[in-house]
mmCIF file of all heavy atoms, coordinates in Angstrom:
data_MODEL
# 
_entry.id   MODEL 
# 
loop_
_atom_site.group_PDB 
_atom_site.id 
_atom_site.type_symbol 
_atom_site.label_atom_id 
_atom_site.label_alt_id 
_atom_site.label_comp_id 
_atom_site.label_asym_id 
_atom_site.label_entity_id 
_atom_site.label_seq_id 
_atom_site.pdbx_PDB_ins_code 
_atom_site.Cartn_x 
_atom_site.Cartn_y 
_atom_site.Cartn_z 
_atom_site.occupancy 
_atom_site.B_iso_or_equiv 
_atom_site.pdbx_formal_charge 
_atom_site.auth_seq_id 
_atom_site.auth_comp_id 
_atom_site.auth_asym_id 
_atom_site.auth_atom_id 
_atom_site.pdbx_PDB_model_num 
ATOM 1   N N   . ASP A 1 1  ? 2.143  -14.521 -8.998  1.00 0.00 ? 1  ASP A N   1 
ATOM 2   C CA  . ASP A 1 1  ? 2.753  -14.010 -10.272 1.00 0.00 ? 1  ASP A CA  1 
ATOM 3   C C   . ASP A 1 1  ? 3.440  -15.143 -11.067 1.00 0.00 ? 1  ASP A C   1 
ATOM 4   O O   . ASP A 1 1  ? 3.339  -15.185 -12.289 1.00 0.00 ? 1  ASP A O   1 
ATOM 5   C CB  . ASP A 1 1  ? 3.714  -12.871 -10.042 1.00 0.00 ? 1  ASP A CB  1 
ATOM 6   C CG  . ASP A 1 1  ? 3.108  -11.724 -9.300  1.00 0.00 ? 1  ASP A CG  1 
ATOM 7   O OD1 . ASP A 1 1  ? 1.935  -11.388 -9.518  1.00 0.00 ? 1  ASP A OD1 1 
ATOM 8   O OD2 . ASP A 1 1  ? 3.866  -11.028 -8.527  1.00 0.00 ? 1  ASP A OD2 1 
ATOM 9   N N   . ILE A 1 2  ? 4.116  -15.958 -10.291 1.00 0.00 ? 2  ILE A N   1 
ATOM 10  C CA  . ILE A 1 2  ? 4.829  -17.108 -10.934 1.00 0.00 ? 2  ILE A CA  1 
ATOM 11  C C   . ILE A 1 2  ? 3.826  -18.041 -11.544 1.00 0.00 ? 2  ILE A C   1 
ATOM 12  O O   . ILE A 1 2  ? 4.007  -18.506 -12.712 1.00 0.00 ? 2  ILE A O   1 
ATOM 13  C CB  . ILE A 1 2  ? 5.686  -17.831 -9.911  1.00 0.00 ? 2  ILE A CB  1 
ATOM 14  C CG1 . ILE A 1 2  ? 6.799  -16.871 -9.313  1.00 0.00 ? 2  ILE A CG1 1 
ATOM 15  C CG2 . ILE A 1 2  ? 6.359  -19.055 -10.475 1.00 0.00 ? 2  ILE A CG2 1 
ATOM 16  C CD1 . ILE A 1 2  ? 7.473  -17.407 -8.123  1.00 0.00 ? 2  ILE A CD1 1 
ATOM 17  N N   . VAL A 1 3  ? 2.759  -18.366 -10.839 1.00 0.00 ? 3  VAL A N   1 
ATOM 18  C CA  . VAL A 1 3  ? 1.741  -19.238 -11.400 1.00 0.00 ? 3  VAL A CA  1 
ATOM 19  C C   . VAL A 1 3  ? 1.110  -18.653 -12.638 1.00 0.00 ? 3  VAL A C   1 
ATOM 20  O O   . VAL A 1 3  ? 0.820  -19.376 -13.643 1.00 0.00 ? 3  VAL A O   1 
ATOM 21  C CB  . VAL A 1 3  ? 0.640  -19.543 -10.332 1.00 0.00 ? 3  VAL A CB  1 
ATOM 22  C CG1 . VAL A 1 3  ? -0.522 -20.314 -10.963 1.00 0.00 ? 3  VAL A CG1 1 
ATOM 23  C CG2 . VAL A 1 3  ? 1.258  -20.353 -9.185  1.00 0.00 ? 3  VAL A CG2 1 
ATOM 24  N N   . LYS A 1 4  ? 0.794  -17.355 -12.588 1.00 0.00 ? 4  LYS A N   1 
ATOM 25  C CA  . LYS A 1 4  ? 0.238  -16.661 -13.807 1.00 0.00 ? 4  LYS A CA  1 
ATOM 26  C C   . LYS A 1 4  ? 1.141  -16.778 -14.997 1.00 0.00 ? 4  LYS A C   1 
ATOM 27  O O   . LYS A 1 4  ? 0.728  -17.063 -16.150 1.00 0.00 ? 4  LYS A O   1 
ATOM 28  C CB  . LYS A 1 4  ? 0.002  -15.216 -13.464 1.00 0.00 ? 4  LYS A CB  1 
ATOM 29  C CG  . LYS A 1 4  ? -1.083 -14.937 -12.543 1.00 0.00 ? 4  LYS A CG  1 
ATOM 30  C CD  . LYS A 1 4  ? -1.212 -13.438 -12.153 1.00 0.00 ? 4  LYS A CD  1 
ATOM 31  C CE  . LYS A 1 4  ? -2.356 -13.155 -11.116 1.00 0.00 ? 4  LYS A CE  1 
ATOM 32  N NZ  . LYS A 1 4  ? -2.420 -11.751 -10.759 1.00 0.00 ? 4  LYS A NZ  1 
ATOM 33  N N   . ALA A 1 5  ? 2.462  -16.583 -14.763 1.00 0.00 ? 5  ALA A N   1 
ATOM 34  C CA  . ALA A 1 5  ? 3.429  -16.601 -15.886 1.00 0.00 ? 5  ALA A CA  1 
ATOM 35  C C   . ALA A 1 5  ? 3.484  -17.956 -16.533 1.00 0.00 ? 5  ALA A C   1 
ATOM 36  O O   . ALA A 1 5  ? 3.518  -18.131 -17.693 1.00 0.00 ? 5  ALA A O   1 
ATOM 37  C CB  . ALA A 1 5  ? 4.831  -16.123 -15.360 1.00 0.00 ? 5  ALA A CB  1 
ATOM 38  N N   . ILE A 1 6  ? 3.433  -19.023 -15.670 1.00 0.00 ? 6  ILE A N   1 
ATOM 39  C CA  . ILE A 1 6  ? 3.515  -20.325 -16.200 1.00 0.00 ? 6  ILE A CA  1 
ATOM 40  C C   . ILE A 1 6  ? 2.214  -20.702 -16.903 1.00 0.00 ? 6  ILE A C   1 
ATOM 41  O O   . ILE A 1 6  ? 2.220  -21.386 -17.935 1.00 0.00 ? 6  ILE A O   1 
ATOM 42  C CB  . ILE A 1 6  ? 3.822  -21.363 -15.024 1.00 0.00 ? 6  ILE A CB  1 
ATOM 43  C CG1 . ILE A 1 6  ? 5.282  -21.072 -14.570 1.00 0.00 ? 6  ILE A CG1 1 
ATOM 44  C CG2 . ILE A 1 6  ? 3.669  -22.848 -15.490 1.00 0.00 ? 6  ILE A CG2 1 
ATOM 45  C CD1 . ILE A 1 6  ? 5.653  -21.891 -13.301 1.00 0.00 ? 6  ILE A CD1 1 
ATOM 46  N N   . ALA A 1 7  ? 1.076  -20.246 -16.362 1.00 0.00 ? 7  ALA A N   1 
ATOM 47  C CA  . ALA A 1 7  ? -0.206 -20.443 -17.045 1.00 0.00 ? 7  ALA A CA  1 
ATOM 48  C C   . ALA A 1 7  ? -0.187 -19.863 -18.416 1.00 0.00 ? 7  ALA A C   1 
ATOM 49  O O   . ALA A 1 7  ? -0.845 -20.421 -19.360 1.00 0.00 ? 7  ALA A O   1 
ATOM 50  C CB  . ALA A 1 7  ? -1.338 -19.868 -16.171 1.00 0.00 ? 7  ALA A CB  1 
ATOM 51  N N   . LEU A 1 8  ? 0.494  -18.768 -18.636 1.00 0.00 ? 8  LEU A N   1 
ATOM 52  C CA  . LEU A 1 8  ? 0.599  -18.086 -19.943 1.00 0.00 ? 8  LEU A CA  1 
ATOM 53  C C   . LEU A 1 8  ? 1.737  -18.660 -20.784 1.00 0.00 ? 8  LEU A C   1 
ATOM 54  O O   . LEU A 1 8  ? 1.919  -18.115 -21.949 1.00 0.00 ? 8  LEU A O   1 
ATOM 55  C CB  . LEU A 1 8  ? 0.753  -16.618 -19.752 1.00 0.00 ? 8  LEU A CB  1 
ATOM 56  C CG  . LEU A 1 8  ? -0.419 -15.884 -19.107 1.00 0.00 ? 8  LEU A CG  1 
ATOM 57  C CD1 . LEU A 1 8  ? -0.062 -14.400 -18.793 1.00 0.00 ? 8  LEU A CD1 1 
ATOM 58  C CD2 . LEU A 1 8  ? -1.606 -15.969 -19.944 1.00 0.00 ? 8  LEU A CD2 1 
ATOM 59  N N   . GLY A 1 9  ? 2.387  -19.686 -20.319 1.00 0.00 ? 9  GLY A N   1 
ATOM 60  C CA  . GLY A 1 9  ? 3.354  -20.334 -21.183 1.00 0.00 ? 9  GLY A CA  1 
ATOM 61  C C   . GLY A 1 9  ? 4.824  -20.285 -20.735 1.00 0.00 ? 9  GLY A C   1 
ATOM 62  O O   . GLY A 1 9  ? 5.662  -20.913 -21.493 1.00 0.00 ? 9  GLY A O   1 
ATOM 63  N N   . ALA A 1 10 ? 5.157  -19.503 -19.767 1.00 0.00 ? 10 ALA A N   1 
ATOM 64  C CA  . ALA A 1 10 ? 6.540  -19.446 -19.365 1.00 0.00 ? 10 ALA A CA  1 
ATOM 65  C C   . ALA A 1 10 ? 6.959  -20.750 -18.676 1.00 0.00 ? 10 ALA A C   1 
ATOM 66  O O   . ALA A 1 10 ? 6.194  -21.449 -18.109 1.00 0.00 ? 10 ALA A O   1 
ATOM 67  C CB  . ALA A 1 10 ? 6.702  -18.360 -18.332 1.00 0.00 ? 10 ALA A CB  1 
ATOM 68  N N   . GLU A 1 11 ? 8.265  -21.111 -18.929 1.00 0.00 ? 11 GLU A N   1 
ATOM 69  C CA  . GLU A 1 11 ? 8.836  -22.250 -18.266 1.00 0.00 ? 11 GLU A CA  1 
ATOM 70  C C   . GLU A 1 11 ? 9.107  -21.949 -16.819 1.00 0.00 ? 11 GLU A C   1 
ATOM 71  O O   . GLU A 1 11 ? 8.967  -22.885 -15.992 1.00 0.00 ? 11 GLU A O   1 
ATOM 72  C CB  . GLU A 1 11 ? 10.105 -22.682 -19.011 1.00 0.00 ? 11 GLU A CB  1 
ATOM 73  C CG  . GLU A 1 11 ? 10.754 -23.921 -18.338 1.00 0.00 ? 11 GLU A CG  1 
ATOM 74  C CD  . GLU A 1 11 ? 11.706 -24.628 -19.278 1.00 0.00 ? 11 GLU A CD  1 
ATOM 75  O OE1 . GLU A 1 11 ? 11.224 -25.374 -20.192 1.00 0.00 ? 11 GLU A OE1 1 
ATOM 76  O OE2 . GLU A 1 11 ? 12.910 -24.494 -19.048 1.00 0.00 ? 11 GLU A OE2 1 
ATOM 77  N N   . ALA A 1 12 ? 9.537  -20.760 -16.562 1.00 0.00 ? 12 ALA A N   1 
ATOM 78  C CA  . ALA A 1 12 ? 9.898  -20.393 -15.144 1.00 0.00 ? 12 ALA A CA  1 
ATOM 79  C C   . ALA A 1 12 ? 9.969  -18.825 -15.116 1.00 0.00 ? 12 ALA A C   1 
ATOM 80  O O   . ALA A 1 12 ? 9.934  -18.170 -16.148 1.00 0.00 ? 12 ALA A O   1 
ATOM 81  C CB  . ALA A 1 12 ? 11.167 -20.988 -14.738 1.00 0.00 ? 12 ALA A CB  1 
ATOM 82  N N   . THR A 1 13 ? 10.095 -18.324 -13.889 1.00 0.00 ? 13 THR A N   1 
ATOM 83  C CA  . THR A 1 13 ? 10.384 -16.885 -13.734 1.00 0.00 ? 13 THR A CA  1 
ATOM 84  C C   . THR A 1 13 ? 11.799 -16.757 -13.011 1.00 0.00 ? 13 THR A C   1 
ATOM 85  O O   . THR A 1 13 ? 12.242 -17.696 -12.434 1.00 0.00 ? 13 THR A O   1 
ATOM 86  C CB  . THR A 1 13 ? 9.319  -16.249 -12.878 1.00 0.00 ? 13 THR A CB  1 
ATOM 87  O OG1 . THR A 1 13 ? 9.408  -16.625 -11.557 1.00 0.00 ? 13 THR A OG1 1 
ATOM 88  C CG2 . THR A 1 13 ? 7.935  -16.514 -13.407 1.00 0.00 ? 13 THR A CG2 1 
ATOM 89  N N   . LEU A 1 14 ? 12.318 -15.522 -13.134 1.00 0.00 ? 14 LEU A N   1 
ATOM 90  C CA  . LEU A 1 14 ? 13.503 -15.139 -12.406 1.00 0.00 ? 14 LEU A CA  1 
ATOM 91  C C   . LEU A 1 14 ? 13.065 -14.106 -11.370 1.00 0.00 ? 14 LEU A C   1 
ATOM 92  O O   . LEU A 1 14 ? 12.244 -13.280 -11.608 1.00 0.00 ? 14 LEU A O   1 
ATOM 93  C CB  . LEU A 1 14 ? 14.549 -14.573 -13.291 1.00 0.00 ? 14 LEU A CB  1 
ATOM 94  C CG  . LEU A 1 14 ? 15.024 -15.398 -14.479 1.00 0.00 ? 14 LEU A CG  1 
ATOM 95  C CD1 . LEU A 1 14 ? 16.206 -14.772 -15.186 1.00 0.00 ? 14 LEU A CD1 1 
ATOM 96  C CD2 . LEU A 1 14 ? 15.370 -16.794 -14.056 1.00 0.00 ? 14 LEU A CD2 1 
ATOM 97  N N   . ILE A 1 15 ? 13.698 -14.198 -10.221 1.00 0.00 ? 15 ILE A N   1 
ATOM 98  C CA  . ILE A 1 15 ? 13.326 -13.354 -9.031  1.00 0.00 ? 15 ILE A CA  1 
ATOM 99  C C   . ILE A 1 15 ? 14.523 -12.430 -8.724  1.00 0.00 ? 15 ILE A C   1 
ATOM 100 O O   . ILE A 1 15 ? 15.617 -12.937 -8.440  1.00 0.00 ? 15 ILE A O   1 
ATOM 101 C CB  . ILE A 1 15 ? 12.963 -14.168 -7.841  1.00 0.00 ? 15 ILE A CB  1 
ATOM 102 C CG1 . ILE A 1 15 ? 11.872 -15.216 -8.134  1.00 0.00 ? 15 ILE A CG1 1 
ATOM 103 C CG2 . ILE A 1 15 ? 12.462 -13.196 -6.736  1.00 0.00 ? 15 ILE A CG2 1 
ATOM 104 C CD1 . ILE A 1 15 ? 10.581 -14.670 -8.608  1.00 0.00 ? 15 ILE A CD1 1 
ATOM 105 N N   . GLY A 1 16 ? 14.264 -11.103 -8.664  1.00 0.00 ? 16 GLY A N   1 
ATOM 106 C CA  . GLY A 1 16 ? 15.374 -10.209 -8.415  1.00 0.00 ? 16 GLY A CA  1 
ATOM 107 C C   . GLY A 1 16 ? 15.126 -9.406  -7.090  1.00 0.00 ? 16 GLY A C   1 
ATOM 108 O O   . GLY A 1 16 ? 15.533 -9.773  -6.083  1.00 0.00 ? 16 GLY A O   1 
ATOM 109 N N   . ARG A 1 17 ? 14.431 -8.302  -7.203  1.00 0.00 ? 17 ARG A N   1 
ATOM 110 C CA  . ARG A 1 17 ? 14.335 -7.361  -6.108  1.00 0.00 ? 17 ARG A CA  1 
ATOM 111 C C   . ARG A 1 17 ? 13.813 -7.970  -4.766  1.00 0.00 ? 17 ARG A C   1 
ATOM 112 O O   . ARG A 1 17 ? 14.397 -7.609  -3.768  1.00 0.00 ? 17 ARG A O   1 
ATOM 113 C CB  . ARG A 1 17 ? 13.384 -6.164  -6.491  1.00 0.00 ? 17 ARG A CB  1 
ATOM 114 C CG  . ARG A 1 17 ? 14.152 -5.057  -7.267  1.00 0.00 ? 17 ARG A CG  1 
ATOM 115 C CD  . ARG A 1 17 ? 13.209 -3.787  -7.442  1.00 0.00 ? 17 ARG A CD  1 
ATOM 116 N NE  . ARG A 1 17 ? 13.818 -2.755  -8.246  1.00 0.00 ? 17 ARG A NE  1 
ATOM 117 C CZ  . ARG A 1 17 ? 13.604 -2.571  -9.475  1.00 0.00 ? 17 ARG A CZ  1 
ATOM 118 N NH1 . ARG A 1 17 ? 12.848 -3.433  -10.176 1.00 0.00 ? 17 ARG A NH1 1 
ATOM 119 N NH2 . ARG A 1 17 ? 14.163 -1.575  -10.155 1.00 0.00 ? 17 ARG A NH2 1 
ATOM 120 N N   . PRO A 1 18 ? 12.834 -8.787  -4.813  1.00 0.00 ? 18 PRO A N   1 
ATOM 121 C CA  . PRO A 1 18 ? 12.347 -9.349  -3.513  1.00 0.00 ? 18 PRO A CA  1 
ATOM 122 C C   . PRO A 1 18 ? 13.486 -10.017 -2.724  1.00 0.00 ? 18 PRO A C   1 
ATOM 123 O O   . PRO A 1 18 ? 13.596 -9.845  -1.517  1.00 0.00 ? 18 PRO A O   1 
ATOM 124 C CB  . PRO A 1 18 ? 11.298 -10.391 -3.867  1.00 0.00 ? 18 PRO A CB  1 
ATOM 125 C CG  . PRO A 1 18 ? 10.709 -9.850  -5.160  1.00 0.00 ? 18 PRO A CG  1 
ATOM 126 C CD  . PRO A 1 18 ? 11.944 -9.301  -5.899  1.00 0.00 ? 18 PRO A CD  1 
ATOM 127 N N   . LEU A 1 19 ? 14.409 -10.742 -3.357  1.00 0.00 ? 19 LEU A N   1 
ATOM 128 C CA  . LEU A 1 19 ? 15.519 -11.322 -2.696  1.00 0.00 ? 19 LEU A CA  1 
ATOM 129 C C   . LEU A 1 19 ? 16.509 -10.322 -2.205  1.00 0.00 ? 19 LEU A C   1 
ATOM 130 O O   . LEU A 1 19 ? 17.118 -10.475 -1.091  1.00 0.00 ? 19 LEU A O   1 
ATOM 131 C CB  . LEU A 1 19 ? 16.178 -12.364 -3.625  1.00 0.00 ? 19 LEU A CB  1 
ATOM 132 C CG  . LEU A 1 19 ? 15.319 -13.509 -4.080  1.00 0.00 ? 19 LEU A CG  1 
ATOM 133 C CD1 . LEU A 1 19 ? 16.124 -14.448 -4.979  1.00 0.00 ? 19 LEU A CD1 1 
ATOM 134 C CD2 . LEU A 1 19 ? 14.719 -14.244 -2.955  1.00 0.00 ? 19 LEU A CD2 1 
ATOM 135 N N   . LEU A 1 20 ? 16.686 -9.180  -2.929  1.00 0.00 ? 20 LEU A N   1 
ATOM 136 C CA  . LEU A 1 20 ? 17.584 -8.133  -2.454  1.00 0.00 ? 20 LEU A CA  1 
ATOM 137 C C   . LEU A 1 20 ? 17.032 -7.434  -1.280  1.00 0.00 ? 20 LEU A C   1 
ATOM 138 O O   . LEU A 1 20 ? 17.789 -6.995  -0.363  1.00 0.00 ? 20 LEU A O   1 
ATOM 139 C CB  . LEU A 1 20 ? 17.948 -7.221  -3.641  1.00 0.00 ? 20 LEU A CB  1 
ATOM 140 C CG  . LEU A 1 20 ? 18.594 -7.909  -4.819  1.00 0.00 ? 20 LEU A CG  1 
ATOM 141 C CD1 . LEU A 1 20 ? 18.965 -6.877  -5.908  1.00 0.00 ? 20 LEU A CD1 1 
ATOM 142 C CD2 . LEU A 1 20 ? 19.799 -8.775  -4.485  1.00 0.00 ? 20 LEU A CD2 1 
ATOM 143 N N   . TRP A 1 21 ? 15.763 -7.123  -1.309  1.00 0.00 ? 21 TRP A N   1 
ATOM 144 C CA  . TRP A 1 21 ? 15.129 -6.422  -0.168  1.00 0.00 ? 21 TRP A CA  1 
ATOM 145 C C   . TRP A 1 21 ? 15.287 -7.333  1.092   1.00 0.00 ? 21 TRP A C   1 
ATOM 146 O O   . TRP A 1 21 ? 15.705 -6.860  2.151   1.00 0.00 ? 21 TRP A O   1 
ATOM 147 C CB  . TRP A 1 21 ? 13.670 -6.239  -0.345  1.00 0.00 ? 21 TRP A CB  1 
ATOM 148 C CG  . TRP A 1 21 ? 13.322 -5.206  -1.369  1.00 0.00 ? 21 TRP A CG  1 
ATOM 149 C CD1 . TRP A 1 21 ? 14.103 -4.035  -1.635  1.00 0.00 ? 21 TRP A CD1 1 
ATOM 150 C CD2 . TRP A 1 21 ? 12.258 -5.205  -2.316  1.00 0.00 ? 21 TRP A CD2 1 
ATOM 151 N NE1 . TRP A 1 21 ? 13.412 -3.291  -2.646  1.00 0.00 ? 21 TRP A NE1 1 
ATOM 152 C CE2 . TRP A 1 21 ? 12.327 -3.918  -3.104  1.00 0.00 ? 21 TRP A CE2 1 
ATOM 153 C CE3 . TRP A 1 21 ? 11.151 -6.004  -2.588  1.00 0.00 ? 21 TRP A CE3 1 
ATOM 154 C CZ2 . TRP A 1 21 ? 11.434 -3.622  -4.058  1.00 0.00 ? 21 TRP A CZ2 1 
ATOM 155 C CZ3 . TRP A 1 21 ? 10.283 -5.743  -3.596  1.00 0.00 ? 21 TRP A CZ3 1 
ATOM 156 C CH2 . TRP A 1 21 ? 10.395 -4.526  -4.303  1.00 0.00 ? 21 TRP A CH2 1 
ATOM 157 N N   . ALA A 1 22 ? 15.102 -8.630  0.901   1.00 0.00 ? 22 ALA A N   1 
ATOM 158 C CA  . ALA A 1 22 ? 15.265 -9.580  2.030   1.00 0.00 ? 22 ALA A CA  1 
ATOM 159 C C   . ALA A 1 22 ? 16.694 -9.692  2.518   1.00 0.00 ? 22 ALA A C   1 
ATOM 160 O O   . ALA A 1 22 ? 17.014 -9.740  3.703   1.00 0.00 ? 22 ALA A O   1 
ATOM 161 C CB  . ALA A 1 22 ? 14.770 -11.021 1.638   1.00 0.00 ? 22 ALA A CB  1 
ATOM 162 N N   . LEU A 1 23 ? 17.629 -9.614  1.545   1.00 0.00 ? 23 LEU A N   1 
ATOM 163 C CA  . LEU A 1 23 ? 19.090 -9.645  1.883   1.00 0.00 ? 23 LEU A CA  1 
ATOM 164 C C   . LEU A 1 23 ? 19.433 -8.428  2.708   1.00 0.00 ? 23 LEU A C   1 
ATOM 165 O O   . LEU A 1 23 ? 20.140 -8.544  3.745   1.00 0.00 ? 23 LEU A O   1 
ATOM 166 C CB  . LEU A 1 23 ? 19.888 -9.661  0.571   1.00 0.00 ? 23 LEU A CB  1 
ATOM 167 C CG  . LEU A 1 23 ? 21.420 -9.570  0.724   1.00 0.00 ? 23 LEU A CG  1 
ATOM 168 C CD1 . LEU A 1 23 ? 21.979 -10.846 1.382   1.00 0.00 ? 23 LEU A CD1 1 
ATOM 169 C CD2 . LEU A 1 23 ? 22.081 -9.262  -0.644  1.00 0.00 ? 23 LEU A CD2 1 
ATOM 170 N N   . ALA A 1 24 ? 18.991 -7.282  2.291   1.00 0.00 ? 24 ALA A N   1 
ATOM 171 C CA  . ALA A 1 24 ? 19.331 -6.023  2.947   1.00 0.00 ? 24 ALA A CA  1 
ATOM 172 C C   . ALA A 1 24 ? 18.657 -5.993  4.307   1.00 0.00 ? 24 ALA A C   1 
ATOM 173 O O   . ALA A 1 24 ? 19.200 -5.445  5.289   1.00 0.00 ? 24 ALA A O   1 
ATOM 174 C CB  . ALA A 1 24 ? 18.908 -4.848  2.124   1.00 0.00 ? 24 ALA A CB  1 
ATOM 175 N N   . ALA A 1 25 ? 17.481 -6.628  4.495   1.00 0.00 ? 25 ALA A N   1 
ATOM 176 C CA  . ALA A 1 25 ? 16.744 -6.555  5.740   1.00 0.00 ? 25 ALA A CA  1 
ATOM 177 C C   . ALA A 1 25 ? 17.265 -7.507  6.728   1.00 0.00 ? 25 ALA A C   1 
ATOM 178 O O   . ALA A 1 25 ? 17.432 -7.098  7.925   1.00 0.00 ? 25 ALA A O   1 
ATOM 179 C CB  . ALA A 1 25 ? 15.257 -6.831  5.409   1.00 0.00 ? 25 ALA A CB  1 
ATOM 180 N N   . ARG A 1 26 ? 17.587 -8.751  6.385   1.00 0.00 ? 26 ARG A N   1 
ATOM 181 C CA  . ARG A 1 26 ? 17.953 -9.739  7.342   1.00 0.00 ? 26 ARG A CA  1 
ATOM 182 C C   . ARG A 1 26 ? 19.062 -10.699 6.878   1.00 0.00 ? 26 ARG A C   1 
ATOM 183 O O   . ARG A 1 26 ? 19.172 -11.761 7.442   1.00 0.00 ? 26 ARG A O   1 
ATOM 184 C CB  . ARG A 1 26 ? 16.705 -10.612 7.558   1.00 0.00 ? 26 ARG A CB  1 
ATOM 185 C CG  . ARG A 1 26 ? 15.590 -9.887  8.327   1.00 0.00 ? 26 ARG A CG  1 
ATOM 186 C CD  . ARG A 1 26 ? 14.219 -10.534 8.297   1.00 0.00 ? 26 ARG A CD  1 
ATOM 187 N NE  . ARG A 1 26 ? 14.179 -11.796 9.021   1.00 0.00 ? 26 ARG A NE  1 
ATOM 188 C CZ  . ARG A 1 26 ? 13.774 -11.935 10.321  1.00 0.00 ? 26 ARG A CZ  1 
ATOM 189 N NH1 . ARG A 1 26 ? 13.355 -10.845 10.996  1.00 0.00 ? 26 ARG A NH1 1 
ATOM 190 N NH2 . ARG A 1 26 ? 13.669 -13.165 10.832  1.00 0.00 ? 26 ARG A NH2 1 
ATOM 191 N N   . GLY A 1 27 ? 19.813 -10.275 5.897   1.00 0.00 ? 27 GLY A N   1 
ATOM 192 C CA  . GLY A 1 27 ? 21.005 -11.027 5.497   1.00 0.00 ? 27 GLY A CA  1 
ATOM 193 C C   . GLY A 1 27 ? 20.563 -12.400 4.853   1.00 0.00 ? 27 GLY A C   1 
ATOM 194 O O   . GLY A 1 27 ? 19.538 -12.528 4.207   1.00 0.00 ? 27 GLY A O   1 
# 
């Protein structure tokens, strides 16, 4: 998804839920 966004012109992406799922799962 990040590569797709950059290919379409984004400078970067921001990541939210995946990090929170990981935080809740394994700190």
